[in-house]
Amino acid sequence: MKTLFLAWQAPTDHQWLPIGRLTFGGGCYRFVYLQGASKAERLHGFRPLLSFPSLSEVYESDELFPIFANRLPSRSRSDYGDFVRWLNAPQDEDDPIALLARSGGRRVTDNFEVFPCPAPDENGQYHIHFFAHRLRQLPAAAIERIGSLQPGDRLLLMHDFQNPYDPSALALRTNGQREGDRHIVGYCPRYLLADAFEVLTRCPGLPEVAVEQVNPPPAPLQLRLLCNLTTCWPEDFRPCSNPEYQPLVATAMSQA
């Protein structure tokens, strides 16, 4: 069964919370709200989506729900091939779940994003792809520096604990030897931070964060810098397992 999570960003403190889970199996798409949605409703004024008006139902469809389908360009568009290349997805990859997992499904018109739950790679390591966040907040010099990055260039993770919006933020910095070449070129997605901090604190040595691909214009900024992170996978590590990820509907537990 293929699984994606839907994250929502609170408009006040910009906190990201997992609020829903999309699964596909047996020819059927299912969506269910998570405990994170209840928390978002209680603390941040979240309201159920028009497509899914009840927090206590399991929604099923033979086709991908519009809120997810609309986050991918139509295959009939002339720039669809460019979009797939921006994701650095396999050329024969045409699975909407896989494309959403790689792209994040971000849109400038709302505060939602989708993401997969990490799984061990073929080497048993923690390996994830993500597009660098918050590029619109960076100075022009940083955007220019992103344009000169090459696939395989190493990036450093910095705990930006003085960040006024999120003291747990993980910034991505170029590995320049000279101070003038040290630029913050984005941030790790916030919804990955809890699991990422657990893995990083339990794995010996430094994680490997590398540039996967840089997409120049006309690629939008949210798809500009594709990165990958690799580190060890602790034996008892269970990602996406804290209470916020648990379904609100008891019947959904048996479908997990």
Protein backbone atom coordinates (compact mmCIF):
# COMPACT_ATOMS: atom_id res chain seq x y z
CA MET A 1 0.00 0.00 0.00
CA LYS A 2 1.28 3.45 -0.94
CA THR A 3 0.98 6.19 1.67
CA LEU A 4 1.28 9.96 1.74
CA PHE A 5 0.63 12.42 4.54
CA LEU A 6 -0.99 15.82 4.16
CA ALA A 7 0.57 18.60 6.23
CA TRP A 8 -1.08 21.94 7.07
CA GLN A 9 0.72 25.13 8.08
CA ALA A 10 -0.89 27.24 10.80
CA PRO A 11 -1.25 30.85 9.60
CA THR A 12 -0.27 32.37 12.96
CA ASP A 13 2.96 30.72 14.09
CA HIS A 14 3.67 28.90 10.78
CA GLN A 15 3.86 25.52 12.52
CA TRP A 16 3.38 22.48 10.28
CA LEU A 17 1.16 19.63 11.45
CA PRO A 18 0.27 16.32 9.77
CA ILE A 19 -3.51 16.45 9.41
CA GLY A 20 -4.38 13.65 6.98
CA ARG A 21 -3.25 10.38 5.43
CA LEU A 22 -3.79 9.30 1.82
CA THR A 23 -3.36 5.63 0.91
CA PHE A 24 -3.72 3.74 -2.35
CA GLY A 25 -4.21 0.01 -2.57
CA GLY A 26 -6.51 -2.45 -4.29
CA GLY A 27 -7.45 0.19 -6.87
CA CYS A 28 -8.90 2.49 -4.18
CA TYR A 29 -7.72 5.80 -2.74
CA ARG A 30 -8.54 6.42 0.93
CA PHE A 31 -8.22 9.59 2.98
CA VAL A 32 -8.52 9.82 6.75
CA TYR A 33 -7.85 12.64 9.18
CA LEU A 34 -5.14 12.23 11.82
CA GLN A 35 -4.83 13.24 15.45
CA GLY A 36 -2.75 16.16 14.16
CA ALA A 37 -5.92 17.60 12.61
CA SER A 38 -7.64 17.56 16.01
CA LYS A 39 -4.64 19.34 17.51
CA ALA A 40 -4.61 21.87 14.66
CA GLU A 41 -8.34 22.49 15.14
CA ARG A 42 -7.95 22.95 18.90
CA LEU A 43 -4.83 25.14 18.89
CA HIS A 44 -4.76 26.86 15.51
CA GLY A 45 -8.31 27.12 14.22
CA PHE A 46 -8.00 24.47 11.50
CA ARG A 47 -11.27 23.63 9.76
CA PRO A 48 -12.02 20.43 7.80
CA LEU A 49 -11.49 20.62 4.05
CA LEU A 50 -14.50 21.09 1.79
CA SER A 51 -13.68 17.80 0.08
CA PHE A 52 -13.52 16.03 3.45
CA PRO A 53 -16.03 17.85 5.70
CA SER A 54 -16.00 15.38 8.62
CA LEU A 55 -13.01 14.56 10.78
CA SER A 56 -14.59 11.24 11.72
CA GLU A 57 -15.03 9.59 8.31
CA VAL A 58 -12.93 7.49 5.96
CA TYR A 59 -13.22 8.81 2.39
CA GLU A 60 -12.80 6.45 -0.56
CA SER A 61 -12.56 6.99 -4.30
CA ASP A 62 -11.55 5.11 -7.45
CA GLU A 63 -9.77 8.28 -8.61
CA LEU A 64 -7.24 10.51 -6.91
CA PHE A 65 -9.05 13.13 -4.82
CA PRO A 66 -8.99 16.61 -6.46
CA ILE A 67 -7.09 18.24 -3.58
CA PHE A 68 -4.18 15.95 -4.44
CA ALA A 69 -4.67 15.66 -8.21
CA ASN A 70 -4.67 19.46 -8.55
CA ARG A 71 -1.15 19.54 -7.12
CA LEU A 72 0.21 17.89 -10.23
CA PRO A 73 0.18 19.42 -13.72
CA SER A 74 -2.03 17.72 -16.28
CA ARG A 75 -0.24 15.18 -18.44
CA SER A 76 -1.63 17.05 -21.45
CA ARG A 77 0.26 20.24 -20.59
CA SER A 78 3.29 21.07 -22.69
CA ASP A 79 5.45 21.55 -19.59
CA TYR A 80 4.56 18.21 -17.97
CA GLY A 81 7.86 16.71 -19.13
CA ASP A 82 9.72 19.65 -17.58
CA PHE A 83 7.91 19.06 -14.29
CA VAL A 84 9.00 15.40 -14.19
CA ARG A 85 12.58 16.41 -14.98
CA TRP A 86 12.54 19.01 -12.19
CA LEU A 87 11.72 16.20 -9.78
CA ASN A 88 14.62 14.10 -11.13
CA ALA A 89 12.12 11.25 -11.28
CA PRO A 90 12.70 8.18 -13.45
CA GLN A 91 11.63 8.88 -17.02
CA ASP A 92 9.03 6.13 -16.91
CA GLU A 93 7.64 7.31 -13.56
CA ASP A 94 3.97 8.14 -14.05
CA ASP A 95 2.56 7.24 -10.63
CA PRO A 96 0.82 10.29 -9.10
CA ILE A 97 1.61 9.12 -5.56
CA ALA A 98 5.33 8.90 -6.36
CA LEU A 99 5.33 12.28 -8.12
CA LEU A 100 3.52 13.92 -5.21
CA ALA A 101 5.95 12.33 -2.76
CA ARG A 102 8.91 13.83 -4.62
CA SER A 103 7.40 17.24 -5.39
CA GLY A 104 5.65 17.91 -2.09
CA GLY A 105 2.62 19.20 -3.98
CA ARG A 106 3.26 22.73 -2.79
CA ARG A 107 1.15 25.58 -4.18
CA VAL A 108 1.50 29.29 -3.52
CA THR A 109 -2.28 29.57 -3.14
CA ASP A 110 -2.65 27.48 0.02
CA ASN A 111 -0.80 26.20 3.08
CA PHE A 112 -0.75 22.45 2.43
CA GLU A 113 2.00 20.06 1.45
CA VAL A 114 2.26 16.30 1.04
CA PHE A 115 5.11 14.02 2.04
CA PRO A 116 5.88 10.31 2.32
CA CYS A 117 6.89 8.51 5.48
CA PRO A 118 10.60 7.61 5.18
CA ALA A 119 11.53 3.95 4.77
CA PRO A 120 14.98 2.30 4.84
CA ASP A 121 16.67 2.32 1.43
CA GLU A 122 18.27 -0.73 -0.21
CA ASN A 123 21.30 -0.28 2.06
CA GLY A 124 19.22 -0.06 5.22
CA GLN A 125 19.94 3.66 5.61
CA TYR A 126 17.76 6.70 6.22
CA HIS A 127 17.61 8.38 2.81
CA ILE A 128 15.14 11.11 1.85
CA HIS A 129 14.69 13.61 -0.97
CA PHE A 130 13.28 17.06 -0.36
CA PHE A 131 13.12 20.48 -1.96
CA ALA A 132 14.69 23.24 0.10
CA HIS A 133 12.06 25.42 1.78
CA ARG A 134 11.75 29.17 2.34
CA LEU A 135 13.78 30.30 -0.64
CA ARG A 136 11.55 33.36 -1.01
CA GLN A 137 12.93 34.65 2.28
CA LEU A 138 16.56 34.43 1.18
CA PRO A 139 18.64 37.38 -0.06
CA ALA A 140 19.44 37.67 -3.75
CA ALA A 141 23.05 36.56 -3.15
CA ALA A 142 21.82 33.23 -1.76
CA ILE A 143 19.53 32.63 -4.76
CA GLU A 144 22.47 33.41 -7.04
CA ARG A 145 24.63 30.93 -5.10
CA ILE A 146 21.99 28.23 -5.50
CA GLY A 147 22.27 28.69 -9.25
CA SER A 148 25.96 27.77 -9.13
CA LEU A 149 25.52 24.58 -7.08
CA GLN A 150 26.27 21.28 -8.78
CA PRO A 151 24.82 17.78 -8.23
CA GLY A 152 26.81 16.07 -5.47
CA ASP A 153 27.86 19.32 -3.77
CA ARG A 154 27.73 18.83 -0.03
CA LEU A 155 25.54 21.02 2.16
CA LEU A 156 25.81 21.44 5.92
CA LEU A 157 22.92 21.27 8.36
CA MET A 158 22.74 24.13 10.86
CA HIS A 159 20.42 24.16 13.86
CA ASP A 160 19.01 27.68 13.59
CA PHE A 161 17.90 27.85 17.22
CA GLN A 162 17.65 31.67 17.10
CA ASN A 163 15.11 31.50 14.31
CA PRO A 164 12.15 33.65 15.49
CA TYR A 165 9.62 31.48 13.64
CA ASP A 166 10.93 28.05 14.57
CA PRO A 167 13.82 27.51 17.04
CA SER A 168 14.07 23.90 15.82
CA ALA A 169 14.69 24.96 12.21
CA LEU A 170 17.42 23.16 10.25
CA ALA A 171 19.10 25.46 7.75
CA LEU A 172 21.07 24.28 4.72
CA ARG A 173 24.42 26.01 4.27
CA THR A 174 27.00 25.83 1.53
CA ASN A 175 30.25 24.14 2.51
CA GLY A 176 32.46 27.12 1.66
CA GLN A 177 35.93 27.36 3.13
CA ARG A 178 35.85 31.14 3.02
CA GLU A 179 33.33 33.07 5.10
CA GLY A 180 32.11 34.97 2.05
CA ASP A 181 31.11 31.71 0.39
CA ARG A 182 28.99 30.45 3.28
CA HIS A 183 25.37 30.96 2.31
CA ILE A 184 22.16 29.63 3.76
CA VAL A 185 20.44 28.22 0.69
CA GLY A 186 17.20 27.01 2.25
CA TYR A 187 15.71 24.99 5.08
CA CYS A 188 14.64 21.41 5.66
CA PRO A 189 10.84 20.98 5.60
CA ARG A 190 9.46 21.50 9.09
CA TYR A 191 7.33 18.36 9.11
CA LEU A 192 10.51 16.27 8.82
CA LEU A 193 12.23 17.85 11.81
CA ALA A 194 10.97 15.62 14.63
CA ASP A 195 12.09 12.40 12.94
CA ALA A 196 15.23 14.02 11.52
CA PHE A 197 16.40 15.22 14.94
CA GLU A 198 15.88 11.75 16.41
CA VAL A 199 17.89 10.09 13.65
CA LEU A 200 20.65 12.68 13.68
CA THR A 201 21.14 12.48 17.43
CA ARG A 202 21.29 8.67 17.41
CA CYS A 203 23.55 8.13 14.40
CA PRO A 204 27.31 8.45 14.77
CA GLY A 205 29.09 10.88 12.48
CA LEU A 206 27.62 13.62 10.34
CA PRO A 207 24.71 13.10 7.95
CA GLU A 208 25.41 13.39 4.25
CA VAL A 209 23.35 16.19 2.74
CA ALA A 210 23.95 16.69 -0.96
CA VAL A 211 22.58 18.64 -3.86
CA GLU A 212 20.57 16.30 -6.04
CA GLN A 213 19.62 18.79 -8.74
CA VAL A 214 19.26 22.53 -9.32
CA ASN A 215 16.39 23.59 -11.56
CA PRO A 216 16.86 27.02 -13.14
CA PRO A 217 13.93 29.18 -14.24
CA PRO A 218 11.25 28.64 -15.41
CA ALA A 219 11.14 26.12 -12.54
CA PRO A 220 9.36 27.81 -9.60
CA LEU A 221 11.36 28.58 -6.47
CA GLN A 222 9.69 25.79 -4.50
CA LEU A 223 11.18 23.33 -7.02
CA ARG A 224 14.55 25.08 -7.40
CA LEU A 225 16.86 23.10 -5.09
CA LEU A 226 16.39 19.35 -4.77
CA CYS A 227 18.46 17.79 -1.97
CA ASN A 228 18.99 14.36 -0.47
CA LEU A 229 19.95 13.39 3.06
CA THR A 230 21.54 10.09 4.04
CA THR A 231 22.42 8.77 7.49
CA CYS A 232 22.01 5.56 9.48
CA TRP A 233 18.67 3.96 10.34
CA PRO A 234 18.57 3.08 14.08
CA GLU A 235 17.36 -0.44 14.69
CA ASP A 236 14.24 0.54 16.65
CA PHE A 237 13.50 3.77 14.78
CA ARG A 238 9.85 4.10 13.72
CA PRO A 239 9.16 7.26 11.70
CA CYS A 240 5.75 8.91 11.56
CA SER A 241 4.71 7.06 14.70
CA ASN A 242 4.03 9.78 17.24
CA PRO A 243 0.40 10.44 18.29
CA GLU A 244 -0.14 13.18 15.70
CA TYR A 245 0.10 10.55 12.93
CA GLN A 246 -2.56 8.25 14.36
CA PRO A 247 -5.96 8.17 12.53
CA LEU A 248 -8.94 9.78 14.20
CA VAL A 249 -11.18 6.98 12.91
CA ALA A 250 -10.81 3.59 14.58
CA THR A 251 -11.74 1.67 11.41
CA ALA A 252 -8.83 3.28 9.58
CA MET A 253 -6.39 1.61 11.95
CA SER A 254 -7.06 -1.78 10.33
CA GLN A 255 -6.36 -0.30 6.89
CA ALA A 256 -2.99 1.19 7.89
